[in-house]
N, C-alpha and C. Protein backbone atom coordinates (compact mmCIF):
# COMPACT_ATOMS: atom_id res chain seq x y z
N MET A 1 158.47 66.84 110.75
CA MET A 1 157.19 67.30 110.27
C MET A 1 156.27 67.47 111.47
N THR A 2 156.02 68.70 111.89
CA THR A 2 155.12 68.97 112.99
C THR A 2 154.06 69.96 112.52
N TYR A 3 152.85 69.48 112.45
CA TYR A 3 151.71 70.31 112.08
C TYR A 3 150.85 70.49 113.32
N ARG A 4 150.08 71.54 113.35
CA ARG A 4 149.16 71.79 114.46
C ARG A 4 147.77 72.00 113.89
N ALA A 5 146.78 71.63 114.66
CA ALA A 5 145.39 71.84 114.25
C ALA A 5 144.77 72.89 115.15
N ARG A 6 143.85 73.66 114.59
CA ARG A 6 143.10 74.63 115.39
C ARG A 6 141.71 74.78 114.79
N LEU A 7 140.78 75.20 115.63
CA LEU A 7 139.42 75.44 115.19
C LEU A 7 139.23 76.95 115.12
N ALA A 8 138.90 77.46 113.94
CA ALA A 8 138.71 78.89 113.73
C ALA A 8 137.36 79.10 113.05
N ALA A 9 136.47 79.79 113.75
CA ALA A 9 135.12 80.07 113.22
C ALA A 9 134.43 78.79 112.78
N GLY A 10 134.61 77.73 113.56
CA GLY A 10 133.94 76.46 113.27
C GLY A 10 134.59 75.63 112.18
N VAL A 11 135.74 76.06 111.69
CA VAL A 11 136.43 75.34 110.61
C VAL A 11 137.77 74.84 111.15
N LEU A 12 138.06 73.57 110.89
CA LEU A 12 139.34 73.00 111.29
C LEU A 12 140.41 73.47 110.34
N GLU A 13 141.46 74.07 110.91
CA GLU A 13 142.58 74.54 110.11
C GLU A 13 143.84 73.79 110.52
N ILE A 14 144.74 73.62 109.56
CA ILE A 14 146.02 72.97 109.81
C ILE A 14 147.10 74.04 109.64
N VAL A 15 147.96 74.15 110.66
CA VAL A 15 149.06 75.11 110.60
C VAL A 15 150.34 74.32 110.33
N ALA A 16 150.96 74.60 109.19
CA ALA A 16 152.19 73.91 108.78
C ALA A 16 153.37 74.41 109.60
N PRO A 17 154.47 73.66 109.60
CA PRO A 17 155.66 74.11 110.32
C PRO A 17 156.14 75.50 109.86
N THR A 18 155.81 75.86 108.63
CA THR A 18 156.20 77.18 108.09
C THR A 18 155.29 78.30 108.57
N GLY A 19 154.16 77.94 109.21
CA GLY A 19 153.19 78.93 109.64
C GLY A 19 152.02 79.08 108.68
N GLU A 20 152.15 78.46 107.51
CA GLU A 20 151.06 78.50 106.52
C GLU A 20 149.83 77.81 107.10
N VAL A 21 148.66 78.43 106.90
CA VAL A 21 147.40 77.87 107.38
C VAL A 21 146.65 77.27 106.21
N ARG A 22 146.24 76.00 106.38
CA ARG A 22 145.51 75.30 105.32
C ARG A 22 144.26 74.66 105.88
N THR A 23 143.30 74.45 105.04
CA THR A 23 142.08 73.75 105.41
C THR A 23 142.32 72.25 105.32
N LEU A 24 141.75 71.51 106.25
CA LEU A 24 141.89 70.06 106.19
C LEU A 24 140.90 69.53 105.16
N ASP A 25 141.44 69.13 104.02
CA ASP A 25 140.63 68.57 102.94
C ASP A 25 141.45 67.46 102.27
N GLU A 26 140.93 66.88 101.23
CA GLU A 26 141.63 65.78 100.56
C GLU A 26 142.99 66.19 100.03
N GLY A 27 143.12 67.44 99.56
CA GLY A 27 144.41 67.92 99.08
C GLY A 27 145.45 67.96 100.20
N MET A 28 145.02 68.41 101.37
CA MET A 28 145.93 68.46 102.51
C MET A 28 146.29 67.05 102.96
N VAL A 29 145.32 66.15 102.95
CA VAL A 29 145.58 64.75 103.33
C VAL A 29 146.59 64.13 102.37
N SER A 30 146.44 64.40 101.08
CA SER A 30 147.38 63.90 100.08
C SER A 30 148.78 64.45 100.33
N HIS A 31 148.86 65.73 100.65
CA HIS A 31 150.15 66.36 100.96
C HIS A 31 150.79 65.70 102.18
N LEU A 32 150.01 65.49 103.25
CA LEU A 32 150.53 64.85 104.46
C LEU A 32 150.96 63.41 104.20
N ALA A 33 150.19 62.70 103.37
CA ALA A 33 150.54 61.31 103.04
C ALA A 33 151.88 61.26 102.31
N THR A 34 152.10 62.21 101.41
CA THR A 34 153.38 62.27 100.70
C THR A 34 154.52 62.53 101.67
N GLU A 35 154.33 63.49 102.58
CA GLU A 35 155.38 63.81 103.55
C GLU A 35 155.64 62.64 104.50
N ALA A 36 154.59 61.92 104.87
CA ALA A 36 154.72 60.81 105.82
C ALA A 36 155.16 59.51 105.14
N SER A 37 155.12 59.50 103.82
CA SER A 37 155.44 58.29 103.04
C SER A 37 154.58 57.11 103.44
N ARG A 38 153.30 57.39 103.64
CA ARG A 38 152.35 56.33 103.98
C ARG A 38 150.95 56.79 103.60
N PRO A 39 150.07 55.85 103.32
CA PRO A 39 148.70 56.24 102.95
C PRO A 39 147.94 56.81 104.15
N LEU A 40 147.19 57.85 103.93
CA LEU A 40 146.34 58.45 104.96
C LEU A 40 144.94 58.62 104.40
N THR A 41 143.96 58.52 105.27
CA THR A 41 142.58 58.69 104.87
C THR A 41 141.91 59.68 105.79
N LEU A 42 141.14 60.60 105.24
CA LEU A 42 140.37 61.55 106.03
C LEU A 42 139.01 60.94 106.30
N ARG A 43 138.70 60.74 107.57
CA ARG A 43 137.40 60.20 107.96
C ARG A 43 136.70 61.23 108.82
N GLU A 44 135.44 61.45 108.55
CA GLU A 44 134.68 62.39 109.34
C GLU A 44 133.50 61.66 109.97
N LEU A 45 133.65 61.36 111.25
CA LEU A 45 132.62 60.67 111.99
C LEU A 45 132.24 61.55 113.17
N GLU A 46 131.33 62.48 112.94
CA GLU A 46 130.99 63.46 113.96
C GLU A 46 130.67 62.78 115.28
N GLY A 47 131.36 63.22 116.32
CA GLY A 47 131.14 62.69 117.66
C GLY A 47 131.76 61.33 117.90
N ALA A 48 132.46 60.78 116.92
CA ALA A 48 133.00 59.43 117.07
C ALA A 48 134.52 59.39 116.90
N ASN A 49 135.17 60.53 116.91
CA ASN A 49 136.62 60.55 116.73
C ASN A 49 137.33 60.52 118.09
N PHE A 50 137.26 59.40 118.73
CA PHE A 50 137.92 59.21 120.02
C PHE A 50 138.34 57.76 120.11
N ASP A 51 139.15 57.45 121.11
CA ASP A 51 139.68 56.11 121.23
C ASP A 51 138.63 55.10 121.66
N ASP A 52 138.24 55.16 122.91
CA ASP A 52 137.37 54.13 123.46
C ASP A 52 136.15 54.72 124.16
N SER A 53 136.16 55.99 124.39
CA SER A 53 135.06 56.66 125.08
C SER A 53 135.13 58.13 124.69
N SER A 54 134.05 58.83 124.92
CA SER A 54 134.00 60.21 124.46
C SER A 54 134.79 61.18 125.33
N VAL A 55 135.11 60.80 126.57
CA VAL A 55 135.83 61.70 127.47
C VAL A 55 136.96 60.95 128.17
N LEU A 56 138.13 61.55 128.20
CA LEU A 56 139.27 60.99 128.93
C LEU A 56 139.72 61.99 129.98
N LEU A 57 139.79 61.53 131.22
CA LEU A 57 140.21 62.35 132.34
C LEU A 57 141.54 61.81 132.86
N VAL A 58 142.54 62.69 133.00
CA VAL A 58 143.86 62.30 133.49
C VAL A 58 144.19 63.12 134.74
N ASN A 59 144.66 62.42 135.77
CA ASN A 59 145.04 63.01 137.04
C ASN A 59 146.51 63.45 136.95
N LEU A 60 146.77 64.74 137.15
CA LEU A 60 148.14 65.24 137.03
C LEU A 60 149.06 64.69 138.13
N ALA A 61 148.52 64.31 139.28
CA ALA A 61 149.35 63.68 140.32
C ALA A 61 149.81 62.30 139.86
N THR A 62 148.98 61.60 139.11
CA THR A 62 149.37 60.30 138.56
C THR A 62 150.45 60.49 137.50
N VAL A 63 150.32 61.53 136.70
CA VAL A 63 151.35 61.85 135.70
C VAL A 63 152.67 62.17 136.41
N ALA A 64 152.62 62.96 137.50
CA ALA A 64 153.83 63.30 138.25
C ALA A 64 154.48 62.05 138.84
N ALA A 65 153.67 61.13 139.37
CA ALA A 65 154.22 59.88 139.91
C ALA A 65 154.87 59.06 138.79
N PHE A 66 154.24 59.05 137.63
CA PHE A 66 154.80 58.34 136.48
C PHE A 66 156.12 58.97 136.05
N GLU A 67 156.21 60.31 136.07
CA GLU A 67 157.47 60.99 135.76
C GLU A 67 158.59 60.49 136.68
N ALA A 68 158.29 60.38 137.96
CA ALA A 68 159.30 59.91 138.92
C ALA A 68 159.71 58.47 138.59
N GLU A 69 158.74 57.65 138.25
CA GLU A 69 159.02 56.25 137.90
C GLU A 69 159.86 56.15 136.63
N ALA A 70 159.57 57.04 135.68
CA ALA A 70 160.28 57.03 134.39
C ALA A 70 161.64 57.71 134.47
N GLY A 71 161.83 58.54 135.50
CA GLY A 71 163.10 59.25 135.65
C GLY A 71 163.30 60.34 134.63
N MET A 72 162.20 60.90 134.12
CA MET A 72 162.29 61.98 133.13
C MET A 72 161.00 62.79 133.16
N ARG A 73 161.08 64.00 132.61
CA ARG A 73 159.89 64.83 132.50
C ARG A 73 158.97 64.21 131.45
N VAL A 74 157.67 64.15 131.77
CA VAL A 74 156.68 63.60 130.85
C VAL A 74 155.61 64.67 130.62
N ASP A 75 155.56 65.19 129.40
CA ASP A 75 154.57 66.20 129.04
C ASP A 75 153.18 65.59 129.10
N ARG A 76 152.29 66.19 129.85
CA ARG A 76 150.94 65.64 130.01
C ARG A 76 150.20 65.51 128.68
N ARG A 77 150.57 66.30 127.69
CA ARG A 77 149.88 66.23 126.40
C ARG A 77 150.06 64.88 125.72
N ARG A 78 151.05 64.10 126.15
CA ARG A 78 151.24 62.76 125.59
C ARG A 78 149.99 61.91 125.80
N PHE A 79 149.19 62.23 126.81
CA PHE A 79 148.04 61.40 127.17
C PHE A 79 146.73 61.87 126.53
N ARG A 80 146.75 62.99 125.80
CA ARG A 80 145.63 63.47 124.97
C ARG A 80 144.29 63.45 125.70
N ALA A 81 144.24 64.00 126.89
CA ALA A 81 143.01 63.99 127.69
C ALA A 81 142.11 65.17 127.36
N ASN A 82 140.83 64.98 127.64
CA ASN A 82 139.88 66.09 127.58
C ASN A 82 139.98 66.94 128.84
N PHE A 83 140.22 66.27 129.98
CA PHE A 83 140.34 66.95 131.26
C PHE A 83 141.62 66.51 131.96
N TYR A 84 142.40 67.49 132.42
CA TYR A 84 143.54 67.23 133.30
C TYR A 84 143.14 67.75 134.67
N VAL A 85 143.19 66.89 135.68
CA VAL A 85 142.70 67.23 137.01
C VAL A 85 143.88 67.37 137.96
N ASP A 86 143.87 68.43 138.74
CA ASP A 86 144.92 68.69 139.71
C ASP A 86 144.33 68.63 141.11
N GLY A 87 145.19 68.40 142.11
CA GLY A 87 144.74 68.43 143.51
C GLY A 87 144.31 67.09 144.06
N LEU A 88 144.59 66.00 143.35
CA LEU A 88 144.23 64.66 143.81
C LEU A 88 145.48 63.92 144.27
N GLU A 89 145.28 62.79 144.89
CA GLU A 89 146.38 61.89 145.19
C GLU A 89 146.69 61.08 143.92
N PRO A 90 147.93 60.62 143.77
CA PRO A 90 148.23 59.77 142.61
C PRO A 90 147.31 58.55 142.58
N SER A 91 146.78 58.25 141.41
CA SER A 91 145.90 57.10 141.15
C SER A 91 144.53 57.19 141.82
N GLU A 92 144.19 58.32 142.41
CA GLU A 92 142.88 58.47 143.05
C GLU A 92 141.74 58.27 142.05
N GLU A 93 141.96 58.66 140.80
CA GLU A 93 140.92 58.55 139.78
C GLU A 93 140.49 57.10 139.55
N ILE A 94 141.36 56.15 139.84
CA ILE A 94 141.03 54.73 139.65
C ILE A 94 139.87 54.34 140.57
N THR A 95 139.80 54.95 141.74
CA THR A 95 138.72 54.63 142.69
C THR A 95 137.37 55.11 142.20
N TRP A 96 137.35 55.95 141.18
CA TRP A 96 136.10 56.48 140.65
C TRP A 96 135.44 55.54 139.64
N VAL A 97 136.16 54.53 139.16
CA VAL A 97 135.62 53.63 138.14
C VAL A 97 134.32 53.00 138.67
N SER A 98 133.30 52.99 137.82
CA SER A 98 131.93 52.53 138.11
C SER A 98 131.13 53.55 138.90
N GLY A 99 131.70 54.73 139.13
CA GLY A 99 130.98 55.80 139.82
C GLY A 99 130.75 56.99 138.90
N HIS A 100 130.37 58.10 139.52
CA HIS A 100 130.12 59.33 138.77
C HIS A 100 130.92 60.47 139.39
N VAL A 101 131.35 61.41 138.54
CA VAL A 101 131.98 62.63 139.01
C VAL A 101 131.32 63.81 138.33
N ALA A 102 131.35 64.96 139.02
CA ALA A 102 130.87 66.21 138.45
C ALA A 102 132.09 67.07 138.16
N VAL A 103 132.08 67.68 136.98
CA VAL A 103 133.13 68.61 136.58
C VAL A 103 132.40 69.87 136.12
N GLY A 104 132.54 70.94 136.88
CA GLY A 104 131.78 72.14 136.53
C GLY A 104 130.30 71.80 136.49
N GLY A 105 129.65 72.06 135.37
CA GLY A 105 128.23 71.80 135.24
C GLY A 105 127.86 70.48 134.61
N ILE A 106 128.83 69.58 134.42
CA ILE A 106 128.52 68.30 133.80
C ILE A 106 128.68 67.15 134.79
N GLU A 107 128.05 66.05 134.46
CA GLU A 107 128.23 64.83 135.24
C GLU A 107 128.73 63.74 134.31
N LEU A 108 129.75 63.01 134.78
CA LEU A 108 130.36 61.95 134.00
C LEU A 108 130.24 60.62 134.72
N ALA A 109 129.94 59.56 133.96
CA ALA A 109 130.04 58.20 134.48
C ALA A 109 131.47 57.75 134.18
N VAL A 110 132.19 57.30 135.20
CA VAL A 110 133.56 56.84 135.02
C VAL A 110 133.49 55.36 134.66
N ILE A 111 133.86 55.02 133.43
CA ILE A 111 133.63 53.70 132.86
C ILE A 111 134.75 52.71 133.17
N LYS A 112 135.99 53.09 132.84
CA LYS A 112 137.10 52.17 133.04
C LYS A 112 138.41 52.92 132.91
N GLN A 113 139.50 52.26 133.31
CA GLN A 113 140.83 52.84 133.13
C GLN A 113 141.17 52.84 131.64
N CYS A 114 142.04 53.77 131.27
CA CYS A 114 142.47 53.90 129.87
C CYS A 114 143.78 53.15 129.67
N GLU A 115 143.73 52.09 128.87
CA GLU A 115 144.95 51.36 128.52
C GLU A 115 145.65 52.13 127.41
N ARG A 116 146.91 52.46 127.63
CA ARG A 116 147.64 53.32 126.71
C ARG A 116 148.35 52.52 125.62
N CYS A 117 148.65 53.23 124.54
CA CYS A 117 149.32 52.61 123.40
C CYS A 117 150.63 53.34 123.13
N VAL A 118 151.26 53.01 122.05
CA VAL A 118 152.57 53.54 121.68
C VAL A 118 152.54 55.06 121.47
N VAL A 119 151.39 55.66 121.27
CA VAL A 119 151.33 57.10 121.03
C VAL A 119 151.95 57.90 122.18
N ILE A 120 151.87 57.39 123.41
CA ILE A 120 152.43 58.14 124.54
C ILE A 120 153.95 58.26 124.46
N THR A 121 154.56 57.45 123.62
CA THR A 121 156.03 57.52 123.49
C THR A 121 156.47 58.70 122.63
N ARG A 122 155.55 59.35 121.94
CA ARG A 122 155.88 60.45 121.02
C ARG A 122 155.83 61.80 121.72
N ASP A 123 156.91 62.54 121.63
CA ASP A 123 156.94 63.90 122.18
C ASP A 123 155.93 64.74 121.40
N PRO A 124 155.03 65.47 122.07
CA PRO A 124 154.00 66.23 121.35
C PRO A 124 154.55 67.38 120.51
N ASP A 125 155.75 67.85 120.80
CA ASP A 125 156.32 68.95 120.02
C ASP A 125 157.21 68.46 118.89
N THR A 126 158.01 67.42 119.15
CA THR A 126 158.99 66.99 118.16
C THR A 126 158.63 65.67 117.48
N THR A 127 157.71 64.93 118.03
CA THR A 127 157.29 63.58 117.62
C THR A 127 158.40 62.54 117.78
N VAL A 128 159.49 62.91 118.44
CA VAL A 128 160.57 61.95 118.72
C VAL A 128 160.04 60.91 119.71
N ALA A 129 160.33 59.64 119.42
CA ALA A 129 159.83 58.55 120.26
C ALA A 129 160.78 58.25 121.42
N THR A 130 160.18 57.93 122.56
CA THR A 130 160.90 57.44 123.73
C THR A 130 160.23 56.12 124.12
N PRO A 131 160.59 55.01 123.46
CA PRO A 131 159.92 53.73 123.68
C PRO A 131 159.95 53.27 125.14
N ALA A 132 160.94 53.69 125.90
CA ALA A 132 161.04 53.27 127.29
C ALA A 132 159.82 53.71 128.11
N LEU A 133 159.16 54.79 127.71
CA LEU A 133 157.99 55.25 128.47
C LEU A 133 156.89 54.20 128.53
N LEU A 134 156.62 53.54 127.41
CA LEU A 134 155.57 52.52 127.41
C LEU A 134 155.99 51.32 128.25
N ARG A 135 157.28 50.98 128.21
CA ARG A 135 157.78 49.88 129.05
C ARG A 135 157.60 50.21 130.53
N VAL A 136 157.97 51.43 130.93
CA VAL A 136 157.83 51.84 132.33
C VAL A 136 156.35 51.86 132.72
N LEU A 137 155.50 52.36 131.85
CA LEU A 137 154.06 52.38 132.16
C LEU A 137 153.53 50.97 132.33
N THR A 138 153.98 50.05 131.49
CA THR A 138 153.56 48.65 131.59
C THR A 138 154.03 48.03 132.90
N GLU A 139 155.27 48.31 133.28
CA GLU A 139 155.84 47.73 134.50
C GLU A 139 155.26 48.32 135.77
N THR A 140 154.90 49.60 135.75
CA THR A 140 154.48 50.28 136.98
C THR A 140 152.98 50.52 137.09
N ARG A 141 152.29 50.58 135.97
CA ARG A 141 150.86 50.94 136.00
C ARG A 141 150.01 50.04 135.11
N GLU A 142 150.54 48.88 134.76
CA GLU A 142 149.82 47.91 133.94
C GLU A 142 149.28 48.53 132.65
N MET A 143 150.01 49.50 132.10
CA MET A 143 149.68 50.21 130.86
C MET A 143 148.54 51.21 130.99
N TYR A 144 148.09 51.53 132.21
CA TYR A 144 146.95 52.43 132.37
C TYR A 144 147.39 53.83 132.78
N MET A 145 146.70 54.83 132.20
CA MET A 145 146.87 56.22 132.62
C MET A 145 145.59 56.94 132.25
N GLY A 146 144.85 57.37 133.26
CA GLY A 146 143.61 58.08 133.04
C GLY A 146 142.41 57.16 133.09
N VAL A 147 141.22 57.78 133.06
CA VAL A 147 139.98 57.01 133.07
C VAL A 147 139.05 57.52 131.97
N TYR A 148 138.40 56.57 131.33
CA TYR A 148 137.40 56.89 130.32
C TYR A 148 136.07 57.18 130.99
N CYS A 149 135.38 58.18 130.46
CA CYS A 149 134.09 58.59 131.03
C CYS A 149 133.07 58.80 129.91
N GLU A 150 131.82 58.73 130.29
CA GLU A 150 130.72 59.08 129.39
C GLU A 150 129.93 60.21 130.02
N VAL A 151 129.44 61.11 129.18
CA VAL A 151 128.67 62.25 129.67
C VAL A 151 127.27 61.77 130.05
N ILE A 152 126.91 62.01 131.31
CA ILE A 152 125.58 61.68 131.81
C ILE A 152 124.69 62.92 131.75
N ARG A 153 125.25 64.05 132.17
CA ARG A 153 124.52 65.33 132.13
C ARG A 153 125.43 66.36 131.47
N PRO A 154 125.08 66.83 130.28
CA PRO A 154 125.91 67.84 129.61
C PRO A 154 125.79 69.19 130.31
N GLY A 155 126.74 70.05 130.04
CA GLY A 155 126.73 71.39 130.61
C GLY A 155 128.00 72.11 130.24
N ARG A 156 128.30 73.16 130.98
CA ARG A 156 129.49 73.97 130.72
C ARG A 156 130.59 73.62 131.71
N VAL A 157 131.83 73.66 131.20
CA VAL A 157 133.01 73.41 132.02
C VAL A 157 134.01 74.52 131.71
N ALA A 158 134.69 75.00 132.76
CA ALA A 158 135.71 76.03 132.57
C ALA A 158 136.97 75.63 133.34
N VAL A 159 138.09 76.16 132.89
CA VAL A 159 139.35 75.94 133.60
C VAL A 159 139.17 76.40 135.04
N GLY A 160 139.59 75.55 135.97
CA GLY A 160 139.48 75.88 137.39
C GLY A 160 138.24 75.31 138.06
N ASP A 161 137.30 74.78 137.27
CA ASP A 161 136.11 74.16 137.88
C ASP A 161 136.52 72.99 138.75
N LEU A 162 135.81 72.79 139.83
CA LEU A 162 136.08 71.70 140.74
C LEU A 162 135.58 70.37 140.18
N VAL A 163 136.27 69.30 140.56
CA VAL A 163 135.87 67.95 140.21
C VAL A 163 135.56 67.25 141.53
N HIS A 164 134.38 66.63 141.60
CA HIS A 164 134.07 65.90 142.83
C HIS A 164 133.19 64.69 142.53
N VAL A 165 133.33 63.67 143.38
CA VAL A 165 132.55 62.44 143.24
C VAL A 165 131.11 62.74 143.64
N VAL A 166 130.17 62.22 142.84
CA VAL A 166 128.74 62.40 143.17
C VAL A 166 128.09 61.06 143.44
């Protein structure tokens, strides 16, 4: 069961494995709960649907180092970041904790490292679990991947914008 979500004209749509497009409503939640064989609840908390902070930044060099440690390809989407940053040294983002970075036209306060959970073990395309990934992350990176940030100055961000410490 692999569904995808997309935003179309300000409305969240769910694309079924068959290609059928449905609106996310109680009927769709009931359908998904039946397929998953578990209770599901639709919660709408505008601006509050995130793990521990409103912004997650992941360094692609850290992901590449983790791939080498794990001995397998690791799709960056497993880490569900708002920003994937390229051109850094592995783990460089950790040095930003308690500081600020600018990304395009925004400024972020870097709050803390992101402690990962079992979700990273799920392939984003197939949902097949690879439990060893969490074990390797625990052994090599103390369960951390990425940094949580808060928006200090809002603005526009585009693919290719530079990231720098301020």
